[in-house]
Amino acid sequence: MEGKKTSRAIQILGSQTLEALHEAIFQAYGRWDRDHLHEFLFWKGRRERSSLDIHMPDLRIGARTGLRDPDRTRIRSLGLFEGRTFAYRFDLGDDWLHRIDVDSV
């Protein structure tokens, strides 16, 4: 349903990886089809954004494009702080975009 907003609170350790965050979001929203691309997006300014990684199981796109590997990128290495917002996009075809607000570090 377009325009419908839902939210989940997820706790994750700084020592965990982006892949662990992907899994936590995946489970929190009850997703079942894992064979879709996903990415994390971080904005540098109001309009400029950078894609941190694009990854599908068994297809390491990040490794071929120089993007970070979600299995190795630790949450603490992202320089997150309270109030920071970034995004997680799952299934680039259906475009399930999730806004992530950092409540505490």
PDB file of N, CA and C in Angstrom:
ATOM      1  N   MET A   1       0.834  -1.165   0.000  1.00  0.00           N
ATOM      2  CA  MET A   1       0.000   0.000   0.000  1.00  0.00           C
ATOM      3  C   MET A   1       0.887   1.240   0.000  1.00  0.00           C
ATOM      4  N   GLU A   2       0.770   2.046  -0.994  1.00  0.00           N
ATOM      5  CA  GLU A   2       1.598   3.234  -1.112  1.00  0.00           C
ATOM      6  C   GLU A   2       1.231   4.257  -0.049  1.00  0.00           C
ATOM      7  N   GLY A   3       2.253   4.876   0.520  1.00  0.00           N
ATOM      8  CA  GLY A   3       2.036   5.882   1.527  1.00  0.00           C
ATOM      9  C   GLY A   3       1.900   5.344   2.938  1.00  0.00           C
ATOM     10  N   LYS A   4       1.752   4.052   3.080  1.00  0.00           N
ATOM     11  CA  LYS A   4       1.637   3.448   4.410  1.00  0.00           C
ATOM     12  C   LYS A   4       3.010   3.440   5.079  1.00  0.00           C
ATOM     13  N   LYS A   5       3.058   3.884   6.319  1.00  0.00           N
ATOM     14  CA  LYS A   5       4.322   3.934   7.043  1.00  0.00           C
ATOM     15  C   LYS A   5       4.281   2.954   8.202  1.00  0.00           C
ATOM     16  N   THR A   6       5.320   2.169   8.313  1.00  0.00           N
ATOM     17  CA  THR A   6       5.497   1.277   9.448  1.00  0.00           C
ATOM     18  C   THR A   6       6.919   1.459   9.947  1.00  0.00           C
ATOM     19  N   SER A   7       7.158   1.092  11.181  1.00  0.00           N
ATOM     20  CA  SER A   7       8.516   1.233  11.702  1.00  0.00           C
ATOM     21  C   SER A   7       8.849   0.056  12.601  1.00  0.00           C
ATOM     22  N   ARG A   8      10.122  -0.156  12.767  1.00  0.00           N
ATOM     23  CA  ARG A   8      10.652  -1.183  13.640  1.00  0.00           C
ATOM     24  C   ARG A   8      11.854  -0.590  14.369  1.00  0.00           C
ATOM     25  N   ALA A   9      12.072  -1.004  15.598  1.00  0.00           N
ATOM     26  CA  ALA A   9      13.275  -0.624  16.343  1.00  0.00           C
ATOM     27  C   ALA A   9      14.218  -1.816  16.315  1.00  0.00           C
ATOM     28  N   ILE A  10      15.440  -1.584  15.884  1.00  0.00           N
ATOM     29  CA  ILE A  10      16.442  -2.646  15.771  1.00  0.00           C
ATOM     30  C   ILE A  10      17.683  -2.212  16.529  1.00  0.00           C
ATOM     31  N   GLN A  11      18.196  -3.084  17.375  1.00  0.00           N
ATOM     32  CA  GLN A  11      19.458  -2.834  18.064  1.00  0.00           C
ATOM     33  C   GLN A  11      20.532  -3.668  17.393  1.00  0.00           C
ATOM     34  N   ILE A  12      21.669  -3.033  17.147  1.00  0.00           N
ATOM     35  CA  ILE A  12      22.779  -3.739  16.521  1.00  0.00           C
ATOM     36  C   ILE A  12      24.082  -3.218  17.123  1.00  0.00           C
ATOM     37  N   LEU A  13      25.042  -4.083  17.278  1.00  0.00           N
ATOM     38  CA  LEU A  13      26.333  -3.723  17.855  1.00  0.00           C
ATOM     39  C   LEU A  13      27.249  -3.121  16.801  1.00  0.00           C
ATOM     40  N   GLY A  14      28.145  -2.274  17.237  1.00  0.00           N
ATOM     41  CA  GLY A  14      29.131  -1.691  16.333  1.00  0.00           C
ATOM     42  C   GLY A  14      30.032  -2.731  15.698  1.00  0.00           C
ATOM     43  N   SER A  15      30.223  -3.854  16.361  1.00  0.00           N
ATOM     44  CA  SER A  15      31.078  -4.916  15.831  1.00  0.00           C
ATOM     45  C   SER A  15      30.375  -5.765  14.765  1.00  0.00           C
ATOM     46  N   GLN A  16      29.058  -5.602  14.641  1.00  0.00           N
ATOM     47  CA  GLN A  16      28.324  -6.353  13.629  1.00  0.00           C
ATOM     48  C   GLN A  16      28.473  -5.680  12.261  1.00  0.00           C
ATOM     49  N   THR A  17      28.098  -6.400  11.231  1.00  0.00           N
ATOM     50  CA  THR A  17      28.312  -5.928   9.862  1.00  0.00           C
ATOM     51  C   THR A  17      27.035  -5.368   9.231  1.00  0.00           C
ATOM     52  N   LEU A  18      27.221  -4.731   8.075  1.00  0.00           N
ATOM     53  CA  LEU A  18      26.065  -4.289   7.299  1.00  0.00           C
ATOM     54  C   LEU A  18      25.202  -5.471   6.891  1.00  0.00           C
ATOM     55  N   GLU A  19      25.826  -6.594   6.635  1.00  0.00           N
ATOM     56  CA  GLU A  19      25.044  -7.783   6.277  1.00  0.00           C
ATOM     57  C   GLU A  19      24.154  -8.206   7.444  1.00  0.00           C
ATOM     58  N   ALA A  20      24.659  -8.070   8.677  1.00  0.00           N
ATOM     59  CA  ALA A  20      23.847  -8.381   9.856  1.00  0.00           C
ATOM     60  C   ALA A  20      22.682  -7.399   9.966  1.00  0.00           C
ATOM     61  N   LEU A  21      22.911  -6.132   9.631  1.00  0.00           N
ATOM     62  CA  LEU A  21      21.828  -5.151   9.653  1.00  0.00           C
ATOM     63  C   LEU A  21      20.795  -5.487   8.576  1.00  0.00           C
ATOM     64  N   HIS A  22      21.249  -5.861   7.402  1.00  0.00           N
ATOM     65  CA  HIS A  22      20.343  -6.297   6.336  1.00  0.00           C
ATOM     66  C   HIS A  22      19.476  -7.456   6.826  1.00  0.00           C
ATOM     67  N   GLU A  23      20.095  -8.447   7.454  1.00  0.00           N
ATOM     68  CA  GLU A  23      19.353  -9.609   7.963  1.00  0.00           C
ATOM     69  C   GLU A  23      18.334  -9.202   9.027  1.00  0.00           C
ATOM     70  N   ALA A  24      18.729  -8.280   9.909  1.00  0.00           N
ATOM     71  CA  ALA A  24      17.820  -7.833  10.964  1.00  0.00           C
ATOM     72  C   ALA A  24      16.606  -7.112  10.370  1.00  0.00           C
ATOM     73  N   ILE A  25      16.837  -6.269   9.382  1.00  0.00           N
ATOM     74  CA  ILE A  25      15.727  -5.570   8.720  1.00  0.00           C
ATOM     75  C   ILE A  25      14.860  -6.576   7.983  1.00  0.00           C
ATOM     76  N   PHE A  26      15.504  -7.497   7.292  1.00  0.00           N
ATOM     77  CA  PHE A  26      14.812  -8.540   6.535  1.00  0.00           C
ATOM     78  C   PHE A  26      13.852  -9.308   7.449  1.00  0.00           C
ATOM     79  N   GLN A  27      14.335  -9.709   8.603  1.00  0.00           N
ATOM     80  CA  GLN A  27      13.520 -10.469   9.555  1.00  0.00           C
ATOM     81  C   GLN A  27      12.451  -9.598  10.208  1.00  0.00           C
ATOM     82  N   ALA A  28      12.796  -8.352  10.542  1.00  0.00           N
ATOM     83  CA  ALA A  28      11.851  -7.462  11.213  1.00  0.00           C
ATOM     84  C   ALA A  28      10.617  -7.179  10.350  1.00  0.00           C
ATOM     85  N   TYR A  29      10.790  -7.199   9.049  1.00  0.00           N
ATOM     86  CA  TYR A  29       9.676  -6.937   8.142  1.00  0.00           C
ATOM     87  C   TYR A  29       9.083  -8.210   7.542  1.00  0.00           C
ATOM     88  N   GLY A  30       9.532  -9.356   8.005  1.00  0.00           N
ATOM     89  CA  GLY A  30       8.951 -10.620   7.567  1.00  0.00           C
ATOM     90  C   GLY A  30       9.149 -10.925   6.094  1.00  0.00           C
ATOM     91  N   ARG A  31      10.261 -10.514   5.540  1.00  0.00           N
ATOM     92  CA  ARG A  31      10.543 -10.800   4.128  1.00  0.00           C
ATOM     93  C   ARG A  31      10.887 -12.285   3.979  1.00  0.00           C
ATOM     94  N   TRP A  32      10.680 -12.816   2.785  1.00  0.00           N
ATOM     95  CA  TRP A  32      10.953 -14.236   2.588  1.00  0.00           C
ATOM     96  C   TRP A  32      11.792 -14.532   1.354  1.00  0.00           C
ATOM     97  N   ASP A  33      11.903 -13.629   0.416  1.00  0.00           N
ATOM     98  CA  ASP A  33      12.648 -13.886  -0.813  1.00  0.00           C
ATOM     99  C   ASP A  33      13.991 -13.167  -0.760  1.00  0.00           C
ATOM    100  N   ARG A  34      15.051 -13.908  -0.498  1.00  0.00           N
ATOM    101  CA  ARG A  34      16.374 -13.322  -0.301  1.00  0.00           C
ATOM    102  C   ARG A  34      17.121 -12.999  -1.595  1.00  0.00           C
ATOM    103  N   ASP A  35      16.654 -13.457  -2.729  1.00  0.00           N
ATOM    104  CA  ASP A  35      17.402 -13.287  -3.975  1.00  0.00           C
ATOM    105  C   ASP A  35      17.134 -11.954  -4.654  1.00  0.00           C
ATOM    106  N   HIS A  36      17.299 -10.872  -3.914  1.00  0.00           N
ATOM    107  CA  HIS A  36      17.125  -9.539  -4.473  1.00  0.00           C
ATOM    108  C   HIS A  36      18.311  -8.663  -4.080  1.00  0.00           C
ATOM    109  N   LEU A  37      18.646  -7.735  -4.955  1.00  0.00           N
ATOM    110  CA  LEU A  37      19.686  -6.774  -4.636  1.00  0.00           C
ATOM    111  C   LEU A  37      19.231  -5.885  -3.486  1.00  0.00           C
ATOM    112  N   HIS A  38      20.195  -5.433  -2.713  1.00  0.00           N
ATOM    113  CA  HIS A  38      19.903  -4.449  -1.679  1.00  0.00           C
ATOM    114  C   HIS A  38      21.088  -3.504  -1.560  1.00  0.00           C
ATOM    115  N   GLU A  39      20.820  -2.333  -1.028  1.00  0.00           N
ATOM    116  CA  GLU A  39      21.882  -1.349  -0.883  1.00  0.00           C
ATOM    117  C   GLU A  39      21.601  -0.464   0.320  1.00  0.00           C
ATOM    118  N   PHE A  40      22.661   0.147   0.827  1.00  0.00           N
ATOM    119  CA  PHE A  40      22.566   1.147   1.885  1.00  0.00           C
ATOM    120  C   PHE A  40      22.995   2.464   1.260  1.00  0.00           C
ATOM    121  N   LEU A  41      22.242   3.512   1.507  1.00  0.00           N
ATOM    122  CA  LEU A  41      22.504   4.819   0.909  1.00  0.00           C
ATOM    123  C   LEU A  41      22.780   5.840   2.004  1.00  0.00           C
ATOM    124  N   PHE A  42      23.846   6.597   1.814  1.00  0.00           N
ATOM    125  CA  PHE A  42      24.222   7.641   2.763  1.00  0.00           C
ATOM    126  C   PHE A  42      24.309   8.962   2.011  1.00  0.00           C
ATOM    127  N   TRP A  43      23.659   9.981   2.543  1.00  0.00           N
ATOM    128  CA  TRP A  43      23.674  11.290   1.908  1.00  0.00           C
ATOM    129  C   TRP A  43      24.822  12.111   2.453  1.00  0.00           C
ATOM    130  N   LYS A  44      25.556  12.731   1.532  1.00  0.00           N
ATOM    131  CA  LYS A  44      26.667  13.604   1.922  1.00  0.00           C
ATOM    132  C   LYS A  44      26.165  15.026   2.148  1.00  0.00           C
ATOM    133  N   GLY A  45      25.162  15.410   1.412  1.00  0.00           N
ATOM    134  CA  GLY A  45      24.561  16.741   1.537  1.00  0.00           C
ATOM    135  C   GLY A  45      23.070  16.611   1.319  1.00  0.00           C
ATOM    136  N   ARG A  46      22.404  17.697   1.015  1.00  0.00           N
ATOM    137  CA  ARG A  46      20.957  17.658   0.841  1.00  0.00           C
ATOM    138  C   ARG A  46      20.529  16.801  -0.349  1.00  0.00           C
ATOM    139  N   ARG A  47      21.282  16.849  -1.409  1.00  0.00           N
ATOM    140  CA  ARG A  47      20.871  16.115  -2.610  1.00  0.00           C
ATOM    141  C   ARG A  47      21.852  15.021  -3.025  1.00  0.00           C
ATOM    142  N   GLU A  48      23.063  15.144  -2.589  1.00  0.00           N
ATOM    143  CA  GLU A  48      24.095  14.196  -3.002  1.00  0.00           C
ATOM    144  C   GLU A  48      24.054  12.966  -2.111  1.00  0.00           C
ATOM    145  N   ARG A  49      24.048  11.807  -2.721  1.00  0.00           N
ATOM    146  CA  ARG A  49      24.063  10.575  -1.932  1.00  0.00           C
ATOM    147  C   ARG A  49      25.094   9.627  -2.526  1.00  0.00           C
ATOM    148  N   SER A  50      25.522   8.702  -1.727  1.00  0.00           N
ATOM    149  CA  SER A  50      26.446   7.693  -2.219  1.00  0.00           C
ATOM    150  C   SER A  50      25.908   6.337  -1.829  1.00  0.00           C
ATOM    151  N   SER A  51      25.982   5.416  -2.746  1.00  0.00           N
ATOM    152  CA  SER A  51      25.564   4.061  -2.473  1.00  0.00           C
ATOM    153  C   SER A  51      26.735   3.339  -1.842  1.00  0.00           C
ATOM    154  N   LEU A  52      26.522   2.791  -0.671  1.00  0.00           N
ATOM    155  CA  LEU A  52      27.616   2.124   0.034  1.00  0.00           C
ATOM    156  C   LEU A  52      27.845   0.717  -0.483  1.00  0.00           C
ATOM    157  N   ASP A  53      26.791  -0.006  -0.727  1.00  0.00           N
ATOM    158  CA  ASP A  53      27.001  -1.344  -1.255  1.00  0.00           C
ATOM    159  C   ASP A  53      25.746  -1.832  -1.965  1.00  0.00           C
ATOM    160  N   ILE A  54      25.966  -2.660  -2.938  1.00  0.00           N
ATOM    161  CA  ILE A  54      24.879  -3.376  -3.596  1.00  0.00           C
ATOM    162  C   ILE A  54      25.304  -4.827  -3.572  1.00  0.00           C
ATOM    163  N   HIS A  55      24.400  -5.691  -3.142  1.00  0.00           N
ATOM    164  CA  HIS A  55      24.826  -7.062  -2.899  1.00  0.00           C
ATOM    165  C   HIS A  55      23.672  -8.019  -3.082  1.00  0.00           C
ATOM    166  N   MET A  56      23.944  -9.135  -3.656  1.00  0.00           N
ATOM    167  CA  MET A  56      22.981 -10.216  -3.708  1.00  0.00           C
ATOM    168  C   MET A  56      23.731 -11.477  -3.309  1.00  0.00           C
ATOM    169  N   PRO A  57      23.132 -12.348  -2.528  1.00  0.00           N
ATOM    170  CA  PRO A  57      23.840 -13.566  -2.121  1.00  0.00           C
ATOM    171  C   PRO A  57      24.461 -14.285  -3.322  1.00  0.00           C
ATOM    172  N   ASP A  58      25.688 -14.696  -3.151  1.00  0.00           N
ATOM    173  CA  ASP A  58      26.447 -15.434  -4.165  1.00  0.00           C
ATOM    174  C   ASP A  58      26.778 -14.616  -5.402  1.00  0.00           C
ATOM    175  N   LEU A  59      26.530 -13.315  -5.380  1.00  0.00           N
ATOM    176  CA  LEU A  59      26.882 -12.448  -6.509  1.00  0.00           C
ATOM    177  C   LEU A  59      27.474 -11.182  -5.916  1.00  0.00           C
ATOM    178  N   ARG A  60      28.760 -11.149  -5.739  1.00  0.00           N
ATOM    179  CA  ARG A  60      29.431 -10.057  -5.045  1.00  0.00           C
ATOM    180  C   ARG A  60      29.637  -8.863  -5.975  1.00  0.00           C
ATOM    181  N   ILE A  61      28.571  -8.127  -6.232  1.00  0.00           N
ATOM    182  CA  ILE A  61      28.668  -6.959  -7.084  1.00  0.00           C
ATOM    183  C   ILE A  61      29.611  -5.937  -6.468  1.00  0.00           C
ATOM    184  N   GLY A  62      29.525  -5.761  -5.158  1.00  0.00           N
ATOM    185  CA  GLY A  62      30.382  -4.799  -4.475  1.00  0.00           C
ATOM    186  C   GLY A  62      31.858  -5.070  -4.720  1.00  0.00           C
ATOM    187  N   ALA A  63      32.249  -6.331  -4.717  1.00  0.00           N
ATOM    188  CA  ALA A  63      33.650  -6.691  -4.920  1.00  0.00           C
ATOM    189  C   ALA A  63      34.104  -6.307  -6.323  1.00  0.00           C
ATOM    190  N   ARG A  64      33.204  -6.343  -7.298  1.00  0.00           N
ATOM    191  CA  ARG A  64      33.590  -6.029  -8.669  1.00  0.00           C
ATOM    192  C   ARG A  64      33.539  -4.537  -8.970  1.00  0.00           C
ATOM    193  N   THR A  65      32.838  -3.754  -8.181  1.00  0.00           N
ATOM    194  CA  THR A  65      32.693  -2.336  -8.480  1.00  0.00           C
ATOM    195  C   THR A  65      33.463  -1.450  -7.521  1.00  0.00           C
ATOM    196  N   GLY A  66      34.143  -2.055  -6.545  1.00  0.00           N
ATOM    197  CA  GLY A  66      34.894  -1.271  -5.584  1.00  0.00           C
ATOM    198  C   GLY A  66      34.058  -0.775  -4.421  1.00  0.00           C
ATOM    199  N   LEU A  67      32.797  -1.145  -4.361  1.00  0.00           N
ATOM    200  CA  LEU A  67      31.949  -0.769  -3.242  1.00  0.00           C
ATOM    201  C   LEU A  67      32.282  -1.659  -2.051  1.00  0.00           C
ATOM    202  N   ARG A  68      31.888  -1.228  -0.871  1.00  0.00           N
ATOM    203  CA  ARG A  68      32.212  -1.997   0.332  1.00  0.00           C
ATOM    204  C   ARG A  68      31.476  -3.332   0.385  1.00  0.00           C
ATOM    205  N   ASP A  69      32.147  -4.321   0.901  1.00  0.00           N
ATOM    206  CA  ASP A  69      31.574  -5.646   1.083  1.00  0.00           C
ATOM    207  C   ASP A  69      30.737  -5.637   2.352  1.00  0.00           C
ATOM    208  N   PRO A  70      29.430  -5.909   2.264  1.00  0.00           N
ATOM    209  CA  PRO A  70      28.571  -5.859   3.450  1.00  0.00           C
ATOM    210  C   PRO A  70      28.931  -6.908   4.501  1.00  0.00           C
ATOM    211  N   ASP A  71      29.588  -7.985   4.091  1.00  0.00           N
ATOM    212  CA  ASP A  71      29.995  -9.017   5.042  1.00  0.00           C
ATOM    213  C   ASP A  71      31.189  -8.572   5.885  1.00  0.00           C
ATOM    214  N   ARG A  72      31.902  -7.558   5.434  1.00  0.00           N
ATOM    215  CA  ARG A  72      33.111  -7.119   6.141  1.00  0.00           C
ATOM    216  C   ARG A  72      33.001  -5.710   6.707  1.00  0.00           C
ATOM    217  N   THR A  73      32.014  -4.962   6.290  1.00  0.00           N
ATOM    218  CA  THR A  73      31.877  -3.582   6.749  1.00  0.00           C
ATOM    219  C   THR A  73      31.195  -3.548   8.109  1.00  0.00           C
ATOM    220  N   ARG A  74      31.930  -3.158   9.120  1.00  0.00           N
ATOM    221  CA  ARG A  74      31.417  -3.093  10.489  1.00  0.00           C
ATOM    222  C   ARG A  74      30.619  -1.801  10.680  1.00  0.00           C
ATOM    223  N   ILE A  75      29.580  -1.891  11.462  1.00  0.00           N
ATOM    224  CA  ILE A  75      28.726  -0.736  11.726  1.00  0.00           C
ATOM    225  C   ILE A  75      29.546   0.419  12.304  1.00  0.00           C
ATOM    226  N   ARG A  76      30.482   0.113  13.200  1.00  0.00           N
ATOM    227  CA  ARG A  76      31.281   1.172  13.824  1.00  0.00           C
ATOM    228  C   ARG A  76      32.141   1.940  12.815  1.00  0.00           C
ATOM    229  N   SER A  77      32.439   1.347  11.670  1.00  0.00           N
ATOM    230  CA  SER A  77      33.275   2.020  10.674  1.00  0.00           C
ATOM    231  C   SER A  77      32.507   3.054   9.856  1.00  0.00           C
ATOM    232  N   LEU A  78      31.206   3.158  10.062  1.00  0.00           N
ATOM    233  CA  LEU A  78      30.369   4.052   9.254  1.00  0.00           C
ATOM    234  C   LEU A  78      30.315   5.476   9.799  1.00  0.00           C
ATOM    235  N   GLY A  79      30.855   5.703  10.985  1.00  0.00           N
ATOM    236  CA  GLY A  79      30.843   7.044  11.564  1.00  0.00           C
ATOM    237  C   GLY A  79      29.441   7.534  11.910  1.00  0.00           C
ATOM    238  N   LEU A  80      28.589   6.623  12.342  1.00  0.00           N
ATOM    239  CA  LEU A  80      27.216   6.990  12.673  1.00  0.00           C
ATOM    240  C   LEU A  80      27.159   7.774  13.975  1.00  0.00           C
ATOM    241  N   PHE A  81      26.152   8.602  14.097  1.00  0.00           N
ATOM    242  CA  PHE A  81      25.946   9.389  15.310  1.00  0.00           C
ATOM    243  C   PHE A  81      24.447   9.558  15.518  1.00  0.00           C
ATOM    244  N   GLU A  82      24.075   9.884  16.740  1.00  0.00           N
ATOM    245  CA  GLU A  82      22.666  10.077  17.069  1.00  0.00           C
ATOM    246  C   GLU A  82      22.073  11.170  16.181  1.00  0.00           C
ATOM    247  N   GLY A  83      20.940  10.877  15.576  1.00  0.00           N
ATOM    248  CA  GLY A  83      20.281  11.819  14.680  1.00  0.00           C
ATOM    249  C   GLY A  83      20.611  11.608  13.209  1.00  0.00           C
ATOM    250  N   ARG A  84      21.595  10.777  12.918  1.00  0.00           N
ATOM    251  CA  ARG A  84      21.981  10.490  11.524  1.00  0.00           C
ATOM    252  C   ARG A  84      20.879   9.690  10.862  1.00  0.00           C
ATOM    253  N   THR A  85      20.623   9.981   9.597  1.00  0.00           N
ATOM    254  CA  THR A  85      19.641   9.243   8.814  1.00  0.00           C
ATOM    255  C   THR A  85      20.329   8.692   7.574  1.00  0.00           C
ATOM    256  N   PHE A  86      20.018   7.457   7.245  1.00  0.00           N
ATOM    257  CA  PHE A  86      20.466   6.869   5.986  1.00  0.00           C
ATOM    258  C   PHE A  86      19.369   5.940   5.508  1.00  0.00           C
ATOM    259  N   ALA A  87      19.591   5.265   4.401  1.00  0.00           N
ATOM    260  CA  ALA A  87      18.515   4.454   3.827  1.00  0.00           C
ATOM    261  C   ALA A  87      19.001   3.061   3.476  1.00  0.00           C
ATOM    262  N   TYR A  88      18.062   2.155   3.463  1.00  0.00           N
ATOM    263  CA  TYR A  88      18.279   0.764   3.042  1.00  0.00           C
ATOM    264  C   TYR A  88      17.232   0.482   1.970  1.00  0.00           C
ATOM    265  N   ARG A  89      17.669   0.055   0.818  1.00  0.00           N
ATOM    266  CA  ARG A  89      16.752  -0.274  -0.270  1.00  0.00           C
ATOM    267  C   ARG A  89      16.856  -1.770  -0.543  1.00  0.00           C
ATOM    268  N   PHE A  90      15.710  -2.415  -0.552  1.00  0.00           N
ATOM    269  CA  PHE A  90      15.638  -3.851  -0.824  1.00  0.00           C
ATOM    270  C   PHE A  90      14.828  -4.061  -2.084  1.00  0.00           C
ATOM    271  N   ASP A  91      15.271  -4.965  -2.940  1.00  0.00           N
ATOM    272  CA  ASP A  91      14.594  -5.302  -4.193  1.00  0.00           C
ATOM    273  C   ASP A  91      14.503  -4.061  -5.067  1.00  0.00           C
ATOM    274  N   LEU A  92      15.567  -3.817  -5.818  1.00  0.00           N
ATOM    275  CA  LEU A  92      15.651  -2.609  -6.606  1.00  0.00           C
ATOM    276  C   LEU A  92      14.586  -2.527  -7.698  1.00  0.00           C
ATOM    277  N   GLY A  93      13.931  -3.634  -8.011  1.00  0.00           N
ATOM    278  CA  GLY A  93      12.819  -3.614  -8.963  1.00  0.00           C
ATOM    279  C   GLY A  93      11.549  -3.081  -8.320  1.00  0.00           C
ATOM    280  N   ASP A  94      11.170  -3.650  -7.165  1.00  0.00           N
ATOM    281  CA  ASP A  94       9.981  -3.180  -6.446  1.00  0.00           C
ATOM    282  C   ASP A  94      10.296  -1.951  -5.601  1.00  0.00           C
ATOM    283  N   ASP A  95      11.567  -1.734  -5.316  1.00  0.00           N
ATOM    284  CA  ASP A  95      12.047  -0.536  -4.641  1.00  0.00           C
ATOM    285  C   ASP A  95      11.435  -0.330  -3.257  1.00  0.00           C
ATOM    286  N   TRP A  96      11.727  -1.268  -2.356  1.00  0.00           N
ATOM    287  CA  TRP A  96      11.310  -1.135  -0.962  1.00  0.00           C
ATOM    288  C   TRP A  96      12.347  -0.279  -0.248  1.00  0.00           C
ATOM    289  N   LEU A  97      12.043   0.992  -0.073  1.00  0.00           N
ATOM    290  CA  LEU A  97      12.987   1.929   0.538  1.00  0.00           C
ATOM    291  C   LEU A  97      12.661   2.098   2.018  1.00  0.00           C
ATOM    292  N   HIS A  98      13.673   1.920   2.856  1.00  0.00           N
ATOM    293  CA  HIS A  98      13.532   2.050   4.301  1.00  0.00           C
ATOM    294  C   HIS A  98      14.408   3.197   4.788  1.00  0.00           C
ATOM    295  N   ARG A  99      13.828   4.112   5.508  1.00  0.00           N
ATOM    296  CA  ARG A  99      14.599   5.200   6.124  1.00  0.00           C
ATOM    297  C   ARG A  99      15.069   4.698   7.485  1.00  0.00           C
ATOM    298  N   ILE A 100      16.358   4.873   7.753  1.00  0.00           N
ATOM    299  CA  ILE A 100      16.932   4.424   9.016  1.00  0.00           C
ATOM    300  C   ILE A 100      17.372   5.657   9.801  1.00  0.00           C
ATOM    301  N   ASP A 101      16.799   5.814  10.981  1.00  0.00           N
ATOM    302  CA  ASP A 101      17.162   6.902  11.885  1.00  0.00           C
ATOM    303  C   ASP A 101      17.977   6.316  13.026  1.00  0.00           C
ATOM    304  N   VAL A 102      19.159   6.863  13.248  1.00  0.00           N
ATOM    305  CA  VAL A 102      20.010   6.401  14.350  1.00  0.00           C
ATOM    306  C   VAL A 102      19.530   7.097  15.618  1.00  0.00           C
ATOM    307  N   ASP A 103      18.982   6.311  16.548  1.00  0.00           N
ATOM    308  CA  ASP A 103      18.466   6.871  17.799  1.00  0.00           C
ATOM    309  C   ASP A 103      19.557   7.028  18.848  1.00  0.00           C
ATOM    310  N   SER A 104      20.501   6.106  18.861  1.00  0.00           N
ATOM    311  CA  SER A 104      21.599   6.200  19.820  1.00  0.00           C
ATOM    312  C   SER A 104      22.762   5.356  19.328  1.00  0.00           C
ATOM    313  N   VAL A 105      23.930   5.689  19.857  1.00  0.00           N
ATOM    314  CA  VAL A 105      25.150   4.967  19.491  1.00  0.00           C
ATOM    315  C   VAL A 105      25.765   4.446  20.764  1.00  0.00           C
TER     316      VAL A 105
END
